[in-house]
Amino acid sequence: MTETGSGEPLVLLVHGVLDRGRSFAAMSELLADECRMLTYDRRGYGSSADAPGAPVDVKGHITDVLTVLDGRPAVVVGHSFGGVIAAGAAVRAPELVQALVMYESGPAWAPGWDDTTMLRMLGGPDPAEAGLQLMIGDRFAQMSEEQQARWRGLAEAFVAEESSTRLPDPPFAFADLRMPVVYGASEEGPFAPIVAHLQDVVADLEVVRMPGAGHHAHRDAPAEFADLVRRALRRAQPG
């Protein structure tokens, strides 16, 4: 775990699949004088690739978020699958999550979400191999044995967490979110069903369109992503 920045508000940043905590570095620099920020590598990724219990399911990742918070209230920000984890932590421990940010998070159980690609990948004889083809394609065959082993580990982490959100019973319900929620998206199309579902069930929701920011806005459009966090920080203030 790494802490940067200064100030009273605390922000926890949760990365998505095939990523690590340091990917928030450029964005965090823009907020360094406004809040303290916690980043960490989720189990199965980066420095936590070989952490005990890895790879883990979504419920394990939710537990890890609460472990990192260690009883400290914070604004929790999640990119992509990290947003699903952050939302789950907010449902499980609402007293610790002052506001929630999700950026282009696509929970598999949301009504209307097109899950065709993921179901095809997870339903095959070797989901990790299918995941590798989805993520890096033919580049895998050109890698060294060490690189291939690392990428297969990432694929197994990817499969474990994604599979755990596609069980008969969803891991949590977005209707149970009781804090302010900010949802950001670069492209409206693929995430329109998610936005519609959140608008139906979340009482305090702000939707932010970020045209051209791309899926990895925390890296490619750090100023816009930082503004997303600022919106949540303002909404987290009482009154």
C-alpha atoms as a PDB file:
ATOM      1  CA  MET A   1       0.000   0.000   0.000  1.00  0.00           C
ATOM      2  CA  THR A   2       1.193   3.523  -0.836  1.00  0.00           C
ATOM      3  CA  GLU A   3      -0.041   6.825   0.581  1.00  0.00           C
ATOM      4  CA  THR A   4       0.494  10.113  -1.248  1.00  0.00           C
ATOM      5  CA  GLY A   5      -0.838  13.660  -1.001  1.00  0.00           C
ATOM      6  CA  SER A   6      -1.803  15.718   1.995  1.00  0.00           C
ATOM      7  CA  GLY A   7      -4.889  17.156   3.626  1.00  0.00           C
ATOM      8  CA  GLU A   8      -7.807  15.916   5.642  1.00  0.00           C
ATOM      9  CA  PRO A   9      -9.917  13.954   3.096  1.00  0.00           C
ATOM     10  CA  LEU A  10      -8.850  10.384   2.406  1.00  0.00           C
ATOM     11  CA  VAL A  11      -9.314   8.745  -1.004  1.00  0.00           C
ATOM     12  CA  LEU A  12      -8.803   5.052  -1.764  1.00  0.00           C
ATOM     13  CA  LEU A  13      -8.103   4.196  -5.413  1.00  0.00           C
ATOM     14  CA  VAL A  14      -8.961   0.680  -6.626  1.00  0.00           C
ATOM     15  CA  HIS A  15      -7.532  -0.429  -9.971  1.00  0.00           C
ATOM     16  CA  GLY A  16      -9.139  -2.649 -12.584  1.00  0.00           C
ATOM     17  CA  VAL A  17      -8.006  -5.890 -14.229  1.00  0.00           C
ATOM     18  CA  LEU A  18      -4.479  -6.244 -15.657  1.00  0.00           C
ATOM     19  CA  ASP A  19      -3.472  -3.117 -13.791  1.00  0.00           C
ATOM     20  CA  ARG A  20      -1.829  -1.985 -10.563  1.00  0.00           C
ATOM     21  CA  GLY A  21      -2.044   0.843  -8.061  1.00  0.00           C
ATOM     22  CA  ARG A  22       0.712   2.931  -9.613  1.00  0.00           C
ATOM     23  CA  SER A  23      -1.409   3.484 -12.721  1.00  0.00           C
ATOM     24  CA  PHE A  24      -3.133   6.272 -10.774  1.00  0.00           C
ATOM     25  CA  ALA A  25       0.173   8.173 -10.328  1.00  0.00           C
ATOM     26  CA  ALA A  26      -0.354  10.957 -12.881  1.00  0.00           C
ATOM     27  CA  MET A  27      -3.868  11.620 -11.663  1.00  0.00           C
ATOM     28  CA  SER A  28      -2.786  11.530  -8.013  1.00  0.00           C
ATOM     29  CA  GLU A  29      -0.173  14.226  -8.604  1.00  0.00           C
ATOM     30  CA  LEU A  30      -2.957  16.614  -9.606  1.00  0.00           C
ATOM     31  CA  LEU A  31      -4.726  16.042  -6.285  1.00  0.00           C
ATOM     32  CA  ALA A  32      -1.641  15.980  -4.069  1.00  0.00           C
ATOM     33  CA  ASP A  33      -2.491  19.249  -2.303  1.00  0.00           C
ATOM     34  CA  GLU A  34      -6.191  18.420  -1.876  1.00  0.00           C
ATOM     35  CA  CYS A  35      -6.370  14.990  -0.238  1.00  0.00           C
ATOM     36  CA  ARG A  36      -4.459  11.946   0.913  1.00  0.00           C
ATOM     37  CA  MET A  37      -4.647   8.997  -1.463  1.00  0.00           C
ATOM     38  CA  LEU A  38      -4.149   5.292  -0.855  1.00  0.00           C
ATOM     39  CA  THR A  39      -3.230   2.906  -3.655  1.00  0.00           C
ATOM     40  CA  TYR A  40      -2.419  -0.791  -3.548  1.00  0.00           C
ATOM     41  CA  ASP A  41      -1.987  -3.735  -5.889  1.00  0.00           C
ATOM     42  CA  ARG A  42      -4.995  -6.029  -5.727  1.00  0.00           C
ATOM     43  CA  ARG A  43      -4.275  -9.690  -5.009  1.00  0.00           C
ATOM     44  CA  GLY A  44      -3.282 -11.372  -8.245  1.00  0.00           C
ATOM     45  CA  TYR A  45      -1.689  -8.243  -9.729  1.00  0.00           C
ATOM     46  CA  GLY A  46       1.600  -6.353  -9.522  1.00  0.00           C
ATOM     47  CA  SER A  47       3.386  -6.701  -6.186  1.00  0.00           C
ATOM     48  CA  SER A  48       0.446  -8.790  -4.902  1.00  0.00           C
ATOM     49  CA  ALA A  49       0.544 -11.318  -7.745  1.00  0.00           C
ATOM     50  CA  ASP A  50       1.669 -14.071  -5.403  1.00  0.00           C
ATOM     51  CA  ALA A  51      -0.070 -12.839  -2.240  1.00  0.00           C
ATOM     52  CA  PRO A  52      -1.653 -15.527  -0.032  1.00  0.00           C
ATOM     53  CA  GLY A  53      -4.990 -16.658  -1.426  1.00  0.00           C
ATOM     54  CA  ALA A  54      -4.464 -15.170  -4.873  1.00  0.00           C
ATOM     55  CA  PRO A  55      -6.321 -15.231  -7.151  1.00  0.00           C
ATOM     56  CA  VAL A  56      -9.444 -14.267  -5.230  1.00  0.00           C
ATOM     57  CA  ASP A  57     -13.110 -13.697  -5.981  1.00  0.00           C
ATOM     58  CA  VAL A  58     -14.932 -10.381  -5.831  1.00  0.00           C
ATOM     59  CA  LYS A  59     -15.920 -10.890  -2.204  1.00  0.00           C
ATOM     60  CA  GLY A  60     -12.275 -11.397  -1.288  1.00  0.00           C
ATOM     61  CA  HIS A  61     -11.376  -8.160  -3.060  1.00  0.00           C
ATOM     62  CA  ILE A  62     -14.125  -6.346  -1.148  1.00  0.00           C
ATOM     63  CA  THR A  63     -12.643  -7.645   2.095  1.00  0.00           C
ATOM     64  CA  ASP A  64      -9.230  -6.388   0.982  1.00  0.00           C
ATOM     65  CA  VAL A  65     -10.611  -2.876   0.428  1.00  0.00           C
ATOM     66  CA  LEU A  66     -11.939  -2.803   3.976  1.00  0.00           C
ATOM     67  CA  THR A  67      -8.613  -4.122   5.261  1.00  0.00           C
ATOM     68  CA  VAL A  68      -6.763  -1.289   3.498  1.00  0.00           C
ATOM     69  CA  LEU A  69      -9.185   1.279   4.911  1.00  0.00           C
ATOM     70  CA  ASP A  70      -8.601  -0.144   8.404  1.00  0.00           C
ATOM     71  CA  GLY A  71     -11.592   1.678   9.857  1.00  0.00           C
ATOM     72  CA  ARG A  72     -10.816   5.026   8.195  1.00  0.00           C
ATOM     73  CA  PRO A  73     -13.716   6.710   6.361  1.00  0.00           C
ATOM     74  CA  ALA A  74     -12.807   7.641   2.787  1.00  0.00           C
ATOM     75  CA  VAL A  75     -14.022   8.417  -0.687  1.00  0.00           C
ATOM     76  CA  VAL A  76     -13.534   5.164  -2.599  1.00  0.00           C
ATOM     77  CA  VAL A  77     -12.758   5.337  -6.326  1.00  0.00           C
ATOM     78  CA  GLY A  78     -12.765   2.325  -8.626  1.00  0.00           C
ATOM     79  CA  HIS A  79     -11.706   2.035 -12.268  1.00  0.00           C
ATOM     80  CA  SER A  80     -13.482  -0.612 -14.375  1.00  0.00           C
ATOM     81  CA  PHE A  81     -13.730  -3.830 -12.320  1.00  0.00           C
ATOM     82  CA  GLY A  82     -12.267  -1.854  -9.439  1.00  0.00           C
ATOM     83  CA  GLY A  83     -15.530   0.093  -9.397  1.00  0.00           C
ATOM     84  CA  VAL A  84     -17.486  -3.120  -8.845  1.00  0.00           C
ATOM     85  CA  ILE A  85     -15.216  -3.935  -5.903  1.00  0.00           C
ATOM     86  CA  ALA A  86     -15.498  -0.394  -4.519  1.00  0.00           C
ATOM     87  CA  ALA A  87     -19.300  -0.538  -4.734  1.00  0.00           C
ATOM     88  CA  GLY A  88     -19.324  -3.875  -2.936  1.00  0.00           C
ATOM     89  CA  ALA A  89     -17.237  -2.385  -0.132  1.00  0.00           C
ATOM     90  CA  ALA A  90     -19.653   0.554   0.082  1.00  0.00           C
ATOM     91  CA  VAL A  91     -22.584  -1.833   0.466  1.00  0.00           C
ATOM     92  CA  ARG A  92     -20.810  -3.971   3.051  1.00  0.00           C
ATOM     93  CA  ALA A  93     -19.436  -1.092   5.156  1.00  0.00           C
ATOM     94  CA  PRO A  94     -21.387   2.112   4.339  1.00  0.00           C
ATOM     95  CA  GLU A  95     -20.009   3.820   7.437  1.00  0.00           C
ATOM     96  CA  LEU A  96     -16.536   3.800   5.848  1.00  0.00           C
ATOM     97  CA  VAL A  97     -17.431   4.998   2.345  1.00  0.00           C
ATOM     98  CA  GLN A  98     -18.292   8.702   2.321  1.00  0.00           C
ATOM     99  CA  ALA A  99     -18.791   8.764  -1.453  1.00  0.00           C
ATOM    100  CA  LEU A 100     -18.224   6.311  -4.286  1.00  0.00           C
ATOM    101  CA  VAL A 101     -16.742   6.811  -7.758  1.00  0.00           C
ATOM    102  CA  MET A 102     -17.073   4.226 -10.509  1.00  0.00           C
ATOM    103  CA  TYR A 103     -15.498   4.776 -13.910  1.00  0.00           C
ATOM    104  CA  GLU A 104     -16.731   2.574 -16.763  1.00  0.00           C
ATOM    105  CA  SER A 105     -17.593  -0.269 -14.418  1.00  0.00           C
ATOM    106  CA  GLY A 106     -19.738  -2.989 -15.978  1.00  0.00           C
ATOM    107  CA  PRO A 107     -21.245  -5.314 -13.356  1.00  0.00           C
ATOM    108  CA  ALA A 108     -22.283  -8.526 -15.087  1.00  0.00           C
ATOM    109  CA  TRP A 109     -25.652  -8.756 -13.312  1.00  0.00           C
ATOM    110  CA  ALA A 110     -26.941  -5.292 -14.266  1.00  0.00           C
ATOM    111  CA  PRO A 111     -30.080  -5.471 -16.427  1.00  0.00           C
ATOM    112  CA  GLY A 112     -29.336  -4.981 -20.100  1.00  0.00           C
ATOM    113  CA  TRP A 113     -25.564  -5.419 -19.867  1.00  0.00           C
ATOM    114  CA  ASP A 114     -24.164  -7.195 -22.951  1.00  0.00           C
ATOM    115  CA  ASP A 115     -22.188 -10.059 -21.433  1.00  0.00           C
ATOM    116  CA  THR A 116     -21.752 -12.103 -24.603  1.00  0.00           C
ATOM    117  CA  THR A 117     -17.964 -11.817 -24.888  1.00  0.00           C
ATOM    118  CA  MET A 118     -17.246 -12.630 -21.255  1.00  0.00           C
ATOM    119  CA  LEU A 119     -19.657 -15.562 -21.123  1.00  0.00           C
ATOM    120  CA  ARG A 120     -18.057 -17.034 -24.228  1.00  0.00           C
ATOM    121  CA  MET A 121     -14.608 -16.666 -22.658  1.00  0.00           C
ATOM    122  CA  LEU A 122     -15.585 -18.098 -19.274  1.00  0.00           C
ATOM    123  CA  GLY A 123     -17.652 -20.941 -20.734  1.00  0.00           C
ATOM    124  CA  GLY A 124     -14.835 -22.522 -22.758  1.00  0.00           C
ATOM    125  CA  PRO A 125     -12.594 -25.464 -21.785  1.00  0.00           C
ATOM    126  CA  ASP A 126      -9.686 -23.182 -20.779  1.00  0.00           C
ATOM    127  CA  PRO A 127     -10.981 -19.771 -19.647  1.00  0.00           C
ATOM    128  CA  ALA A 128      -7.489 -18.506 -18.797  1.00  0.00           C
ATOM    129  CA  GLU A 129      -6.245 -19.289 -22.307  1.00  0.00           C
ATOM    130  CA  ALA A 130      -9.332 -17.624 -23.787  1.00  0.00           C
ATOM    131  CA  GLY A 131      -8.686 -14.656 -21.529  1.00  0.00           C
ATOM    132  CA  LEU A 132      -5.142 -14.377 -22.838  1.00  0.00           C
ATOM    133  CA  GLN A 133      -6.434 -14.349 -26.411  1.00  0.00           C
ATOM    134  CA  LEU A 134      -8.930 -11.659 -25.483  1.00  0.00           C
ATOM    135  CA  MET A 135      -6.316  -9.535 -23.702  1.00  0.00           C
ATOM    136  CA  ILE A 136      -3.175  -9.843 -25.839  1.00  0.00           C
ATOM    137  CA  GLY A 137      -3.946 -12.094 -28.803  1.00  0.00           C
ATOM    138  CA  ASP A 138      -1.029 -13.473 -30.798  1.00  0.00           C
ATOM    139  CA  ARG A 139       1.563 -11.515 -28.818  1.00  0.00           C
ATOM    140  CA  PHE A 140       1.519 -14.262 -26.180  1.00  0.00           C
ATOM    141  CA  ALA A 141       3.322 -16.739 -28.451  1.00  0.00           C
ATOM    142  CA  GLN A 142       6.149 -14.237 -28.999  1.00  0.00           C
ATOM    143  CA  MET A 143       6.880 -13.782 -25.270  1.00  0.00           C
ATOM    144  CA  SER A 144       9.576 -15.440 -23.186  1.00  0.00           C
ATOM    145  CA  GLU A 145       8.610 -18.271 -20.823  1.00  0.00           C
ATOM    146  CA  GLU A 146       8.892 -15.888 -17.884  1.00  0.00           C
ATOM    147  CA  GLN A 147       6.575 -13.356 -19.542  1.00  0.00           C
ATOM    148  CA  GLN A 148       4.107 -16.088 -20.482  1.00  0.00           C
ATOM    149  CA  ALA A 149       4.004 -17.333 -16.891  1.00  0.00           C
ATOM    150  CA  ARG A 150       3.341 -13.804 -15.622  1.00  0.00           C
ATOM    151  CA  TRP A 151       0.552 -13.225 -18.133  1.00  0.00           C
ATOM    152  CA  ARG A 152      -1.059 -16.576 -17.380  1.00  0.00           C
ATOM    153  CA  GLY A 153      -1.111 -15.576 -13.720  1.00  0.00           C
ATOM    154  CA  LEU A 154      -2.836 -12.320 -14.666  1.00  0.00           C
ATOM    155  CA  ALA A 155      -5.335 -14.246 -16.779  1.00  0.00           C
ATOM    156  CA  GLU A 156      -6.129 -16.565 -13.874  1.00  0.00           C
ATOM    157  CA  ALA A 157      -6.737 -13.561 -11.603  1.00  0.00           C
ATOM    158  CA  PHE A 158      -8.963 -12.037 -14.288  1.00  0.00           C
ATOM    159  CA  VAL A 159     -10.974 -15.258 -14.671  1.00  0.00           C
ATOM    160  CA  ALA A 160     -11.370 -15.781 -10.915  1.00  0.00           C
ATOM    161  CA  GLU A 161     -12.820 -12.359 -10.215  1.00  0.00           C
ATOM    162  CA  GLU A 162     -14.963 -12.161 -13.331  1.00  0.00           C
ATOM    163  CA  SER A 163     -16.386 -15.655 -12.769  1.00  0.00           C
ATOM    164  CA  SER A 164     -17.374 -14.748  -9.223  1.00  0.00           C
ATOM    165  CA  THR A 165     -19.713 -11.999 -10.455  1.00  0.00           C
ATOM    166  CA  ARG A 166     -21.611 -14.410 -12.706  1.00  0.00           C
ATOM    167  CA  LEU A 167     -23.016 -16.801 -10.133  1.00  0.00           C
ATOM    168  CA  PRO A 168     -26.792 -17.284  -9.724  1.00  0.00           C
ATOM    169  CA  ASP A 169     -26.837 -14.819  -6.821  1.00  0.00           C
ATOM    170  CA  PRO A 170     -25.182 -11.401  -7.432  1.00  0.00           C
ATOM    171  CA  PRO A 171     -22.529 -10.481  -4.835  1.00  0.00           C
ATOM    172  CA  PHE A 172     -24.497  -7.378  -3.795  1.00  0.00           C
ATOM    173  CA  ALA A 173     -27.252  -5.015  -4.935  1.00  0.00           C
ATOM    174  CA  PHE A 174     -26.595  -1.471  -6.117  1.00  0.00           C
ATOM    175  CA  ALA A 175     -29.926  -0.508  -4.584  1.00  0.00           C
ATOM    176  CA  ASP A 176     -28.205  -0.840  -1.197  1.00  0.00           C
ATOM    177  CA  LEU A 177     -25.844   2.080  -1.878  1.00  0.00           C
ATOM    178  CA  ARG A 178     -26.725   4.871   0.548  1.00  0.00           C
ATOM    179  CA  MET A 179     -23.913   7.362  -0.126  1.00  0.00           C
ATOM    180  CA  PRO A 180     -23.359   9.798  -3.017  1.00  0.00           C
ATOM    181  CA  VAL A 181     -22.279   7.963  -6.180  1.00  0.00           C
ATOM    182  CA  VAL A 182     -20.430   9.472  -9.147  1.00  0.00           C
ATOM    183  CA  TYR A 183     -20.361   7.384 -12.325  1.00  0.00           C
ATOM    184  CA  GLY A 184     -18.060   8.413 -15.159  1.00  0.00           C
ATOM    185  CA  ALA A 185     -17.910   7.102 -18.714  1.00  0.00           C
ATOM    186  CA  SER A 186     -16.132   8.045 -21.907  1.00  0.00           C
ATOM    187  CA  GLU A 187     -18.502   6.177 -24.206  1.00  0.00           C
ATOM    188  CA  GLU A 188     -22.195   6.289 -23.486  1.00  0.00           C
ATOM    189  CA  GLY A 189     -23.171   3.285 -25.610  1.00  0.00           C
ATOM    190  CA  PRO A 190     -21.740   0.214 -23.845  1.00  0.00           C
ATOM    191  CA  PHE A 191     -22.384   1.626 -20.386  1.00  0.00           C
ATOM    192  CA  ALA A 192     -25.850   3.035 -21.008  1.00  0.00           C
ATOM    193  CA  PRO A 193     -27.561   0.007 -19.350  1.00  0.00           C
ATOM    194  CA  ILE A 194     -25.378   0.465 -16.247  1.00  0.00           C
ATOM    195  CA  VAL A 195     -26.221   4.155 -16.025  1.00  0.00           C
ATOM    196  CA  ALA A 196     -29.928   3.416 -16.493  1.00  0.00           C
ATOM    197  CA  HIS A 197     -29.865   0.785 -13.730  1.00  0.00           C
ATOM    198  CA  LEU A 198     -28.045   3.091 -11.318  1.00  0.00           C
ATOM    199  CA  GLN A 199     -30.479   5.895 -12.098  1.00  0.00           C
ATOM    200  CA  ASP A 200     -33.322   3.541 -11.209  1.00  0.00           C
ATOM    201  CA  VAL A 201     -31.953   2.327  -7.875  1.00  0.00           C
ATOM    202  CA  VAL A 202     -29.432   4.851  -6.474  1.00  0.00           C
ATOM    203  CA  ALA A 203     -30.915   7.862  -4.723  1.00  0.00           C
ATOM    204  CA  ASP A 204     -27.872  10.165  -4.948  1.00  0.00           C
ATOM    205  CA  LEU A 205     -26.236   9.682  -8.348  1.00  0.00           C
ATOM    206  CA  GLU A 206     -24.224  12.008 -10.574  1.00  0.00           C
ATOM    207  CA  VAL A 207     -23.382  10.825 -14.094  1.00  0.00           C
ATOM    208  CA  VAL A 208     -20.374  12.454 -15.759  1.00  0.00           C
ATOM    209  CA  ARG A 209     -19.705  12.111 -19.481  1.00  0.00           C
ATOM    210  CA  MET A 210     -16.031  12.298 -20.482  1.00  0.00           C
ATOM    211  CA  PRO A 211     -15.973  12.122 -24.306  1.00  0.00           C
ATOM    212  CA  GLY A 212     -12.649  11.001 -25.696  1.00  0.00           C
ATOM    213  CA  ALA A 213     -11.156  10.133 -22.305  1.00  0.00           C
ATOM    214  CA  GLY A 214     -11.031   6.434 -23.154  1.00  0.00           C
ATOM    215  CA  HIS A 215     -11.414   3.442 -20.874  1.00  0.00           C
ATOM    216  CA  HIS A 216      -8.094   4.121 -19.140  1.00  0.00           C
ATOM    217  CA  ALA A 217      -8.868   7.729 -18.320  1.00  0.00           C
ATOM    218  CA  HIS A 218      -6.951   7.576 -15.030  1.00  0.00           C
ATOM    219  CA  ARG A 219      -3.792   7.207 -17.161  1.00  0.00           C
ATOM    220  CA  ASP A 220      -4.727   8.876 -20.450  1.00  0.00           C
ATOM    221  CA  ALA A 221      -6.890  11.777 -19.214  1.00  0.00           C
ATOM    222  CA  PRO A 222      -5.663  12.338 -15.640  1.00  0.00           C
ATOM    223  CA  ALA A 223      -7.027  15.896 -15.358  1.00  0.00           C
ATOM    224  CA  GLU A 224     -10.537  14.745 -16.214  1.00  0.00           C
ATOM    225  CA  PHE A 225     -10.289  11.769 -13.890  1.00  0.00           C
ATOM    226  CA  ALA A 226      -9.037  14.024 -11.083  1.00  0.00           C
ATOM    227  CA  ASP A 227     -12.107  16.195 -11.572  1.00  0.00           C
ATOM    228  CA  LEU A 228     -14.255  13.089 -11.157  1.00  0.00           C
ATOM    229  CA  VAL A 229     -12.630  12.519  -7.773  1.00  0.00           C
ATOM    230  CA  ARG A 230     -13.133  16.179  -6.831  1.00  0.00           C
ATOM    231  CA  ARG A 231     -16.834  15.845  -7.543  1.00  0.00           C
ATOM    232  CA  ALA A 232     -17.030  12.960  -5.088  1.00  0.00           C
ATOM    233  CA  LEU A 233     -15.009  14.842  -2.485  1.00  0.00           C
ATOM    234  CA  ARG A 234     -17.457  17.753  -2.662  1.00  0.00           C
ATOM    235  CA  ARG A 235     -20.460  15.452  -2.422  1.00  0.00           C
ATOM    236  CA  ALA A 236     -18.931  13.684   0.565  1.00  0.00           C
ATOM    237  CA  GLN A 237     -18.929  16.895   2.600  1.00  0.00           C
ATOM    238  CA  PRO A 238     -21.852  17.119   5.042  1.00  0.00           C
ATOM    239  CA  GLY A 239     -24.452  19.740   4.165  1.00  0.00           C
END
